[in-house]
């Protein structure tokens, strides 16, 4: 989204009873922040622009639209009736405590106001299952402890708010929220951490639309047996390379490449030479990159990795290589032994659709790999493009979608349709620039069906 795109208003409710704070577990099927722990809240709607449903103290500067949006969101998400709580005296405080502006690289941006809703007792909750699959009450320190153990997905504004509330439960202004839209001092590329110890650096890359970035990850505790890995650095040009090199200087011990496509390794060789670190990857990826760029590995130390090999440690857990062929024959994922997360490369994309293109792509192997990772049930999925996802819902959705497409292609093929007709019939609403990629997936499905003798 460009800097000129409209920024919507939103409200966030920090609901407290004593020292405990209400958090909601977002449905893993949601398009935004799937599987995250979050405060209640949402966007301010046009219908909220009316007189306030609450009688607030005179002289305050809380907008009636914000009050109404908060009352509506709490009712929709938790079943709480804010005006009734106020009338019964159970609403002890409604006050603004912070503001955060979504960073510019996020597609949908919000001006989010944080309000403390202090209640005298815990209300009966009735969550909207379409949005949330659970609720919980705990102190800010307890929520943060779960995050520190790698058991929670927290968006940065939520984490910052919890950190300040843990330090001072009566804080009147969440000052750290003001820094969210600005890169911290010394950082020129945006960094996000939603699971402790897994940092995402947003690097512009020469990737397929609609994506513009490839997620570059920093993982590993550092020290003996736990080298710090920089995963898939692939800056689009030398200027982006310079920014990445400056920002990550001294922060990694090796470069890990998930697979051979350029938007996962472009200029990684220059970064490795500059920082004097080795490159780790699969034997297949090594061979394919060397075939396209004979001098890519010149002067570099290369380590070829195998399925199941331990490469570092995350918190107290070994992190292993997981072979995930299908999109690319040599693609590798990373997963800790406790399966708290899985860095899956291009097995799935948070933006756009995965392309399966011969000769490196194989639709049958792609199906099998999706099934394998789903069976492992990692708590969080980190794709190479797009935002992290809680649970395996979107892996299953990708598999279900490909199965649906395969049934459609099989039926049309048996009725005599050729590749062009299949493309026209199935992808009638696909934007023209993306049709060549849809055609590649059709060809991969047809190859799978022929190999399985479903088609002559």
Protein backbone atom coordinates (compact mmCIF):
# COMPACT_ATOMS: atom_id res chain seq x y z
CA UNK A 1 0.00 0.00 0.00
CA UNK A 2 1.32 3.40 -0.89
CA UNK A 3 1.88 6.18 1.58
CA UNK A 4 -1.12 8.01 0.06
CA UNK A 5 -3.58 5.19 0.74
CA UNK A 6 -6.39 5.90 3.16
CA UNK A 7 -5.64 5.15 6.81
CA UNK A 8 -8.71 3.98 8.74
CA UNK A 9 -9.46 4.73 12.39
CA UNK A 10 -9.57 1.80 14.83
CA UNK A 11 -10.06 1.26 18.56
CA UNK A 12 -8.42 -1.27 20.87
CA UNK A 13 -9.76 -2.27 24.29
CA UNK A 14 -7.36 -3.13 27.10
CA UNK A 15 -10.01 -4.72 29.34
CA UNK A 16 -8.79 -5.22 32.91
CA UNK A 17 -10.19 -6.71 36.11
CA UNK A 18 -7.74 -6.25 38.95
CA UNK A 19 -4.31 -7.09 37.55
CA UNK A 20 -5.68 -9.40 34.85
CA UNK A 21 -6.10 -8.46 31.18
CA UNK A 22 -8.51 -9.98 28.67
CA UNK A 23 -7.00 -11.43 25.49
CA UNK A 24 -8.74 -13.13 22.58
CA UNK A 25 -7.31 -15.91 20.41
CA UNK A 26 -7.96 -14.93 16.80
CA UNK A 27 -9.42 -17.56 14.52
CA UNK A 28 -6.63 -19.22 12.45
CA UNK A 29 -8.90 -18.88 9.38
CA UNK A 30 -8.88 -15.05 9.49
CA UNK A 31 -7.07 -13.15 6.75
CA UNK A 32 -5.31 -10.80 9.18
CA UNK A 33 -3.34 -11.84 12.28
CA UNK A 34 -4.55 -15.43 12.02
CA UNK A 35 -3.97 -17.31 15.28
CA UNK A 36 -2.64 -14.27 17.18
CA UNK A 37 -3.50 -13.31 20.76
CA UNK A 38 -5.07 -9.87 20.66
CA UNK A 39 -7.01 -7.26 22.57
CA UNK A 40 -10.65 -6.77 21.52
CA UNK A 41 -11.26 -3.98 19.04
CA UNK A 42 -11.66 -3.08 15.41
CA UNK A 43 -12.27 -0.43 12.80
CA UNK A 44 -14.45 2.63 13.40
CA UNK A 45 -17.44 2.44 11.04
CA UNK A 46 -19.42 5.33 9.52
CA UNK A 47 -22.44 4.31 11.63
CA UNK A 48 -20.36 5.02 14.76
CA UNK A 49 -20.46 8.75 13.95
CA UNK A 50 -23.35 9.63 16.27
CA UNK A 51 -23.87 10.72 19.89
CA UNK A 52 -21.98 8.65 22.42
CA UNK A 53 -23.72 5.65 23.98
CA UNK A 54 -21.83 6.39 27.22
CA UNK A 55 -21.98 9.44 29.43
CA UNK A 56 -18.30 10.26 29.84
CA UNK A 57 -16.87 12.91 32.20
CA UNK A 58 -17.22 16.46 30.95
CA UNK A 59 -14.12 18.04 29.49
CA UNK A 60 -12.75 14.79 28.07
CA UNK A 61 -11.54 14.54 24.48
CA UNK A 62 -12.62 10.99 23.66
CA UNK A 63 -14.49 11.04 20.34
CA UNK A 64 -18.08 9.73 20.46
CA UNK A 65 -17.33 7.62 17.38
CA UNK A 66 -14.56 5.85 19.30
CA UNK A 67 -16.84 5.17 22.25
CA UNK A 68 -19.52 3.77 19.97
CA UNK A 69 -17.04 1.67 18.01
CA UNK A 70 -15.64 0.27 21.26
CA UNK A 71 -19.11 -0.58 22.55
CA UNK A 72 -20.01 -2.25 19.26
CA UNK A 73 -16.77 -4.24 18.99
CA UNK A 74 -16.99 -5.47 22.60
CA UNK A 75 -20.57 -6.56 22.04
CA UNK A 76 -19.76 -8.32 18.75
CA UNK A 77 -16.52 -9.96 19.89
CA UNK A 78 -17.19 -10.79 23.55
CA UNK A 79 -20.89 -10.33 24.18
CA UNK A 80 -20.21 -7.56 26.72
CA UNK A 81 -22.71 -4.69 26.81
CA UNK A 82 -20.65 -1.64 27.70
CA UNK A 83 -23.59 0.72 28.36
CA UNK A 84 -25.16 -1.86 30.71
CA UNK A 85 -21.85 -2.27 32.54
CA UNK A 86 -21.69 1.52 32.93
CA UNK A 87 -25.28 1.70 34.21
CA UNK A 88 -24.62 -1.03 36.80
CA UNK A 89 -21.45 0.69 38.05
CA UNK A 90 -19.21 -2.17 36.91
CA UNK A 91 -17.39 0.07 34.39
CA UNK A 92 -14.85 1.79 36.63
CA UNK A 93 -12.72 3.47 33.96
CA UNK A 94 -12.82 4.29 30.24
CA UNK A 95 -9.69 6.23 29.34
CA UNK A 96 -7.36 6.69 26.38
CA UNK A 97 -3.89 5.28 27.14
CA UNK A 98 -2.11 5.05 23.78
CA UNK A 99 -1.99 5.47 20.03
CA UNK A 100 -0.29 3.48 17.28
CA UNK A 101 -0.03 4.02 13.52
CA UNK A 102 0.42 0.94 11.34
CA UNK A 103 3.79 1.00 9.51
CA UNK A 104 3.81 2.03 5.83
CA UNK A 105 4.79 -1.42 4.49
CA UNK A 106 1.53 -2.99 5.78
CA UNK A 107 -1.16 -3.18 3.10
CA UNK A 108 -4.06 -2.06 5.34
CA UNK A 109 -3.11 0.77 7.67
CA UNK A 110 -4.88 1.95 10.81
CA UNK A 111 -4.74 4.80 13.26
CA UNK A 112 -5.39 2.76 16.39
CA UNK A 113 -6.39 4.31 19.71
CA UNK A 114 -5.91 2.18 22.81
CA UNK A 115 -8.43 2.54 25.66
CA UNK A 116 -8.35 1.07 29.14
CA UNK A 117 -11.70 -0.50 30.05
CA UNK A 118 -11.47 -1.23 33.78
CA UNK A 119 -14.23 -3.42 35.19
CA UNK A 120 -15.06 -4.36 38.77
CA UNK A 121 -15.62 -8.03 37.91
CA UNK A 122 -15.17 -10.44 35.02
CA UNK A 123 -18.20 -10.43 32.73
CA UNK A 124 -19.69 -13.50 31.11
CA UNK A 125 -18.12 -13.78 27.65
CA UNK A 126 -19.72 -15.00 24.45
CA UNK A 127 -17.14 -14.82 21.67
CA UNK A 128 -17.89 -14.69 17.97
CA UNK A 129 -16.42 -18.01 16.79
CA UNK A 130 -15.94 -16.61 13.29
CA UNK A 131 -13.37 -14.17 14.69
CA UNK A 132 -12.07 -15.78 17.87
CA UNK A 133 -11.67 -19.35 19.08
CA UNK A 134 -10.88 -18.66 22.72
CA UNK A 135 -10.43 -16.11 25.50
CA UNK A 136 -8.14 -15.77 28.49
CA UNK A 137 -7.50 -13.63 31.55
CA UNK A 138 -3.97 -13.24 32.91
CA UNK A 139 -1.66 -10.55 34.20
CA UNK A 140 0.50 -8.70 31.69
CA UNK A 141 3.55 -10.49 33.15
CA UNK A 142 1.91 -13.89 32.63
CA UNK A 143 0.99 -13.12 29.02
CA UNK A 144 4.56 -12.01 28.38
CA UNK A 145 5.97 -15.13 30.01
CA UNK A 146 4.04 -17.26 27.53
CA UNK A 147 5.41 -15.10 24.72
CA UNK A 148 8.96 -15.51 26.04
CA UNK A 149 8.45 -19.29 25.95
CA UNK A 150 7.49 -19.07 22.28
CA UNK A 151 3.89 -20.12 22.99
CA UNK A 152 2.11 -16.95 21.76
CA UNK A 153 1.88 -14.90 18.61
CA UNK A 154 1.76 -11.21 19.55
CA UNK A 155 1.65 -8.26 17.16
CA UNK A 156 4.24 -5.62 18.16
CA UNK A 157 1.64 -3.10 19.46
CA UNK A 158 0.12 -5.77 21.71
CA UNK A 159 3.51 -6.84 23.01
CA UNK A 160 4.65 -3.26 23.65
CA UNK A 161 1.42 -2.51 25.53
CA UNK A 162 1.81 -5.63 27.69
CA UNK A 163 5.43 -4.76 28.46
CA UNK A 164 4.49 -1.30 29.71
CA UNK A 165 1.51 -2.61 31.66
CA UNK A 166 3.70 -5.29 33.27
CA UNK A 167 6.12 -2.58 34.40
CA UNK A 168 3.31 -0.33 35.64
CA UNK A 169 -0.31 -1.62 35.68
CA UNK A 170 -1.56 1.94 36.26
CA UNK A 171 0.38 3.54 33.38
CA UNK A 172 -1.53 6.48 31.93
CA UNK A 173 0.21 6.60 28.53
CA UNK A 174 1.68 3.71 26.51
CA UNK A 175 4.55 5.74 25.13
CA UNK A 176 6.26 2.96 23.20
CA UNK A 177 3.30 2.61 20.84
CA UNK A 178 4.22 5.93 19.26
CA UNK A 179 7.36 4.39 17.76
CA UNK A 180 5.63 1.61 15.81
CA UNK A 181 5.31 3.55 12.54
CA UNK A 182 8.96 4.64 12.71
CA UNK A 183 11.96 2.37 12.24
CA UNK A 184 14.09 2.26 15.42
CA UNK A 185 17.28 4.28 15.35
CA UNK A 186 19.92 2.59 13.23
CA UNK A 187 17.42 0.47 11.27
CA UNK A 188 16.71 1.31 7.63
CA UNK A 189 14.60 -1.79 6.88
CA UNK A 190 11.52 -2.69 8.87
CA UNK A 191 11.84 -5.54 11.39
CA UNK A 192 9.00 -7.49 12.99
CA UNK A 193 9.10 -9.99 15.83
CA UNK A 194 5.83 -11.79 16.60
CA UNK A 195 7.39 -14.95 18.10
CA UNK A 196 10.30 -14.48 20.46
CA UNK A 197 13.63 -15.23 18.81
CA UNK A 198 12.36 -15.15 15.21
CA UNK A 199 12.92 -11.75 13.60
CA UNK A 200 11.54 -10.89 10.16
CA UNK A 201 13.34 -8.23 8.12
CA UNK A 202 11.27 -6.83 5.26
CA UNK A 203 13.59 -6.84 2.24
CA UNK A 204 12.48 -5.59 -1.16
CA UNK A 205 13.14 -8.34 -3.70
CA UNK A 206 12.61 -9.12 -7.36
CA UNK A 207 9.72 -11.43 -6.58
CA UNK A 208 6.47 -12.31 -8.30
CA UNK A 209 3.48 -9.96 -7.97
CA UNK A 210 1.53 -9.12 -5.93
CA UNK A 211 4.36 -9.63 -3.40
CA UNK A 212 7.06 -6.95 -3.17
CA UNK A 213 9.17 -8.34 -0.34
CA UNK A 214 10.83 -11.60 0.60
CA UNK A 215 10.86 -12.19 4.34
CA UNK A 216 14.46 -12.40 5.53
CA UNK A 217 14.68 -14.14 8.91
CA UNK A 218 17.14 -13.96 11.79
CA UNK A 219 17.04 -17.03 14.03
CA UNK A 220 19.41 -18.83 16.40
CA UNK A 221 20.50 -18.15 19.97
CA UNK A 222 24.13 -17.54 19.08
CA UNK A 223 27.07 -19.24 20.76
CA UNK A 224 28.34 -22.86 20.56
CA UNK A 225 25.92 -25.14 18.75
CA UNK A 226 23.47 -22.33 18.08
CA UNK A 227 24.77 -20.22 15.18
CA UNK A 228 22.74 -17.22 14.15
CA UNK A 229 21.24 -17.76 10.69
CA UNK A 230 20.18 -15.13 8.17
CA UNK A 231 17.58 -16.85 6.01
CA UNK A 232 16.95 -15.92 2.35
CA UNK A 233 18.58 -12.49 2.03
CA UNK A 234 17.62 -11.43 -1.50
CA UNK A 235 17.77 -7.64 -1.92
CA UNK A 236 16.41 -6.35 -5.22
CA UNK A 237 19.35 -4.05 -5.94
CA UNK A 238 22.70 -2.90 -4.56
CA UNK A 239 21.12 -0.07 -2.55
CA UNK A 240 18.83 -2.53 -0.74
CA UNK A 241 21.84 -4.81 -0.25
CA UNK A 242 23.73 -1.97 1.41
CA UNK A 243 20.83 -1.30 3.76
CA UNK A 244 20.54 -4.97 4.67
CA UNK A 245 24.29 -5.38 5.18
CA UNK A 246 24.46 -2.33 7.44
CA UNK A 247 21.45 -3.38 9.49
CA UNK A 248 22.53 -7.00 10.02
CA UNK A 249 26.28 -6.45 10.50
CA UNK A 250 27.55 -8.72 13.27
CA UNK A 251 24.14 -10.30 13.81
CA UNK A 252 24.54 -13.59 11.91
CA UNK A 253 27.05 -16.42 11.49
CA UNK A 254 25.79 -18.08 8.30
CA UNK A 255 23.40 -17.50 5.41
CA UNK A 256 20.70 -20.15 4.94
CA UNK A 257 19.02 -20.37 1.51
CA UNK A 258 15.69 -22.21 1.40
CA UNK A 259 15.70 -22.85 -2.37
CA UNK A 260 17.19 -21.75 -5.66
CA UNK A 261 14.69 -19.17 -6.94
CA UNK A 262 16.28 -15.72 -7.34
CA UNK A 263 13.94 -13.94 -4.91
CA UNK A 264 15.47 -16.12 -2.18
CA UNK A 265 19.18 -15.79 -2.93
CA UNK A 266 19.81 -12.77 -5.18
CA UNK A 267 22.93 -10.93 -3.96
CA UNK A 268 23.27 -13.34 -1.02
CA UNK A 269 26.73 -14.23 -2.35
CA UNK A 270 27.82 -10.59 -2.14
CA UNK A 271 26.54 -10.38 1.43
CA UNK A 272 28.32 -13.61 2.39
CA UNK A 273 31.65 -12.36 1.03
CA UNK A 274 31.25 -8.98 2.66
CA UNK A 275 30.45 -10.51 6.07
CA UNK A 276 32.80 -13.49 5.65
CA UNK A 277 30.21 -16.10 6.49
CA UNK A 278 29.38 -19.49 4.91
CA UNK A 279 26.31 -20.33 2.84
CA UNK A 280 24.11 -23.26 3.90
CA UNK A 281 21.62 -24.91 1.55
CA UNK A 282 20.56 -28.24 0.06
CA UNK A 283 22.71 -30.08 -2.46
CA UNK A 284 19.99 -29.60 -5.09
CA UNK A 285 19.84 -25.85 -4.46
CA UNK A 286 23.64 -25.65 -4.58
CA UNK A 287 23.69 -27.40 -7.96
CA UNK A 288 20.88 -25.32 -9.47
CA UNK A 289 22.27 -21.93 -8.40
CA UNK A 290 25.76 -22.90 -9.60
CA UNK A 291 24.26 -23.92 -12.95
CA UNK A 292 22.72 -20.48 -13.46
CA UNK A 293 25.52 -18.45 -11.82
CA UNK A 294 28.87 -20.30 -12.15
CA UNK A 295 30.70 -17.74 -9.99
CA UNK A 296 28.05 -17.37 -7.29
CA UNK A 297 29.91 -19.56 -4.78
CA UNK A 298 33.41 -18.44 -5.76
CA UNK A 299 35.51 -17.94 -2.62
CA UNK A 300 32.65 -18.96 -0.31
CA UNK A 301 32.44 -21.79 2.20
CA UNK A 302 29.37 -23.93 1.37
CA UNK A 303 27.63 -26.46 3.59
CA UNK A 304 25.13 -28.84 2.02
CA UNK A 305 22.35 -29.77 4.42
CA UNK A 306 20.25 -32.92 4.63
CA UNK A 307 16.74 -33.60 5.89
CA UNK A 308 16.65 -33.89 9.70
CA UNK A 309 20.01 -32.20 10.31
CA UNK A 310 20.25 -29.87 13.33
CA UNK A 311 21.52 -26.44 12.27
CA UNK A 312 21.01 -24.24 15.35
CA UNK A 313 18.97 -23.83 18.54
CA UNK A 314 15.96 -21.66 19.27
CA UNK A 315 15.46 -20.96 22.97
CA UNK A 316 16.24 -24.43 24.38
CA UNK A 317 15.15 -26.40 21.33
CA UNK A 318 17.19 -27.86 18.46
CA UNK A 319 16.18 -26.48 15.04
CA UNK A 320 16.21 -29.03 12.23
CA UNK A 321 16.15 -28.97 8.47
CA UNK A 322 12.94 -30.28 6.95
CA UNK A 323 12.88 -31.22 3.25
CA UNK A 324 9.78 -29.65 1.63
CA UNK A 325 9.96 -30.40 -2.11
CA UNK A 326 7.16 -29.63 -4.54
CA UNK A 327 7.46 -25.94 -5.32
CA UNK A 328 11.18 -26.56 -5.73
CA UNK A 329 12.96 -29.92 -5.60
CA UNK A 330 15.60 -28.77 -3.13
CA UNK A 331 13.52 -26.52 -0.89
CA UNK A 332 14.28 -26.75 2.82
CA UNK A 333 12.22 -25.62 5.80
CA UNK A 334 13.32 -25.05 9.39
CA UNK A 335 11.44 -26.33 12.43
CA UNK A 336 12.35 -26.61 16.16
CA UNK A 337 11.85 -29.95 17.88
CA UNK A 338 8.91 -28.63 19.91
CA UNK A 339 7.19 -27.57 16.66
CA UNK A 340 6.47 -24.09 17.95
CA UNK A 341 6.91 -22.80 14.41
CA UNK A 342 7.96 -23.79 10.91
CA UNK A 343 9.72 -21.54 8.43
CA UNK A 344 8.29 -22.99 5.21
CA UNK A 345 9.79 -20.89 2.40
CA UNK A 346 7.46 -20.92 -0.61
CA UNK A 347 5.44 -23.95 0.47
CA UNK A 348 2.66 -21.42 1.04
CA UNK A 349 2.39 -17.70 0.48
CA UNK A 350 0.61 -15.15 2.59
CA UNK A 351 0.39 -13.04 -0.58
CA UNK A 352 -0.55 -14.65 -3.90
CA UNK A 353 -0.51 -18.31 -4.95
CA UNK A 354 2.41 -20.74 -5.04
CA UNK A 355 3.50 -21.60 -8.58
CA UNK A 356 4.51 -25.19 -9.35
CA UNK A 357 6.66 -25.09 -12.46
CA UNK A 358 8.60 -27.93 -14.08
CA UNK A 359 11.34 -29.04 -13.99
CA UNK A 360 12.00 -28.06 -10.35
CA UNK A 361 8.31 -28.10 -9.38
CA UNK A 362 6.27 -31.27 -9.00
CA UNK A 363 2.59 -31.18 -8.07
CA UNK A 364 2.50 -34.70 -6.58
CA UNK A 365 5.43 -33.92 -4.31
CA UNK A 366 3.82 -30.60 -3.42
CA UNK A 367 0.67 -32.40 -2.26
CA UNK A 368 2.75 -34.87 -0.23
CA UNK A 369 4.80 -32.10 1.39
CA UNK A 370 1.72 -30.13 2.42
CA UNK A 371 0.30 -33.29 3.99
CA UNK A 372 3.58 -33.91 5.84
CA UNK A 373 3.82 -30.42 7.34
CA UNK A 374 0.13 -30.38 8.27
CA UNK A 375 0.65 -33.67 10.14
CA UNK A 376 3.51 -32.08 12.14
CA UNK A 377 1.06 -29.39 13.37
CA UNK A 378 3.47 -26.49 13.97
CA UNK A 379 1.86 -23.73 16.03
CA UNK A 380 3.03 -20.95 13.71
CA UNK A 381 3.79 -20.91 9.98
CA UNK A 382 6.33 -18.40 8.65
CA UNK A 383 5.96 -18.03 4.86
CA UNK A 384 8.57 -16.27 2.76
CA UNK A 385 5.99 -13.78 1.50
CA UNK A 386 3.29 -12.32 3.70
CA UNK A 387 2.58 -12.32 7.42
CA UNK A 388 3.03 -15.21 9.90
CA UNK A 389 0.05 -17.51 10.39
CA UNK A 390 -1.10 -19.26 13.54
CA UNK A 391 -1.73 -22.98 12.99
CA UNK A 392 -1.92 -25.00 9.79
CA UNK A 393 -5.29 -23.76 8.55
CA UNK A 394 -3.83 -22.06 5.49
CA UNK A 395 -1.67 -25.07 4.62
CA UNK A 396 -4.82 -27.19 4.61
CA UNK A 397 -6.65 -24.50 2.63
CA UNK A 398 -3.86 -24.49 0.03
CA UNK A 399 -4.04 -28.28 -0.25
CA UNK A 400 -7.86 -28.21 -0.52
CA UNK A 401 -7.67 -25.49 -3.18
CA UNK A 402 -5.19 -27.45 -5.28
CA UNK A 403 -7.33 -30.58 -4.98
CA UNK A 404 -10.35 -28.59 -6.17
CA UNK A 405 -8.39 -27.21 -9.13
CA UNK A 406 -7.20 -30.71 -9.97
CA UNK A 407 -10.77 -32.06 -10.02
CA UNK A 408 -11.82 -29.21 -12.29
CA UNK A 409 -8.89 -29.79 -14.64
CA UNK A 410 -9.56 -33.53 -14.74
CA UNK A 411 -13.25 -33.07 -15.58
CA UNK A 412 -12.57 -30.49 -18.29
CA UNK A 413 -9.77 -32.61 -19.79
CA UNK A 414 -11.99 -35.69 -19.94
CA UNK A 415 -14.59 -33.52 -21.74
CA UNK A 416 -11.98 -32.70 -24.38
CA UNK A 417 -10.89 -29.22 -23.21
CA UNK A 418 -7.34 -28.20 -24.10
CA UNK A 419 -4.99 -26.11 -21.96
CA UNK A 420 -6.27 -22.79 -23.32
CA UNK A 421 -9.90 -23.66 -22.62
CA UNK A 422 -9.08 -24.89 -19.13
CA UNK A 423 -7.32 -21.60 -18.42
CA UNK A 424 -10.26 -19.59 -19.70
CA UNK A 425 -12.86 -21.61 -17.81
CA UNK A 426 -11.15 -21.95 -14.43
CA UNK A 427 -9.28 -18.64 -14.22
CA UNK A 428 -11.90 -16.35 -15.77
CA UNK A 429 -11.55 -13.75 -13.00
CA UNK A 430 -7.75 -13.89 -12.65
CA UNK A 431 -5.93 -10.63 -13.54
CA UNK A 432 -4.24 -10.99 -16.97
CA UNK A 433 -0.66 -10.49 -15.64
CA UNK A 434 -1.11 -13.58 -13.43
CA UNK A 435 -2.49 -15.88 -16.14
CA UNK A 436 0.95 -17.20 -17.22
CA UNK A 437 1.50 -18.47 -13.66
CA UNK A 438 -1.95 -20.07 -13.63
CA UNK A 439 -1.07 -21.82 -16.88
CA UNK A 440 2.07 -23.27 -15.27
CA UNK A 441 -0.02 -24.72 -12.44
CA UNK A 442 -2.44 -26.24 -14.98
CA UNK A 443 0.47 -27.95 -16.73
CA UNK A 444 1.77 -29.32 -13.43
CA UNK A 445 -1.68 -30.68 -12.55
CA UNK A 446 -1.95 -32.31 -15.98
CA UNK A 447 1.49 -33.91 -15.57
CA UNK A 448 0.45 -35.29 -12.16
CA UNK A 449 -2.82 -36.67 -13.55
CA UNK A 450 -1.03 -38.37 -16.43
CA UNK A 451 1.63 -39.86 -14.12
CA UNK A 452 -1.17 -41.26 -11.96
CA UNK A 453 -2.92 -42.64 -15.10
CA UNK A 454 -6.00 -40.53 -14.41
CA UNK A 455 -5.53 -39.10 -17.92
CA UNK A 456 -4.20 -40.75 -21.04
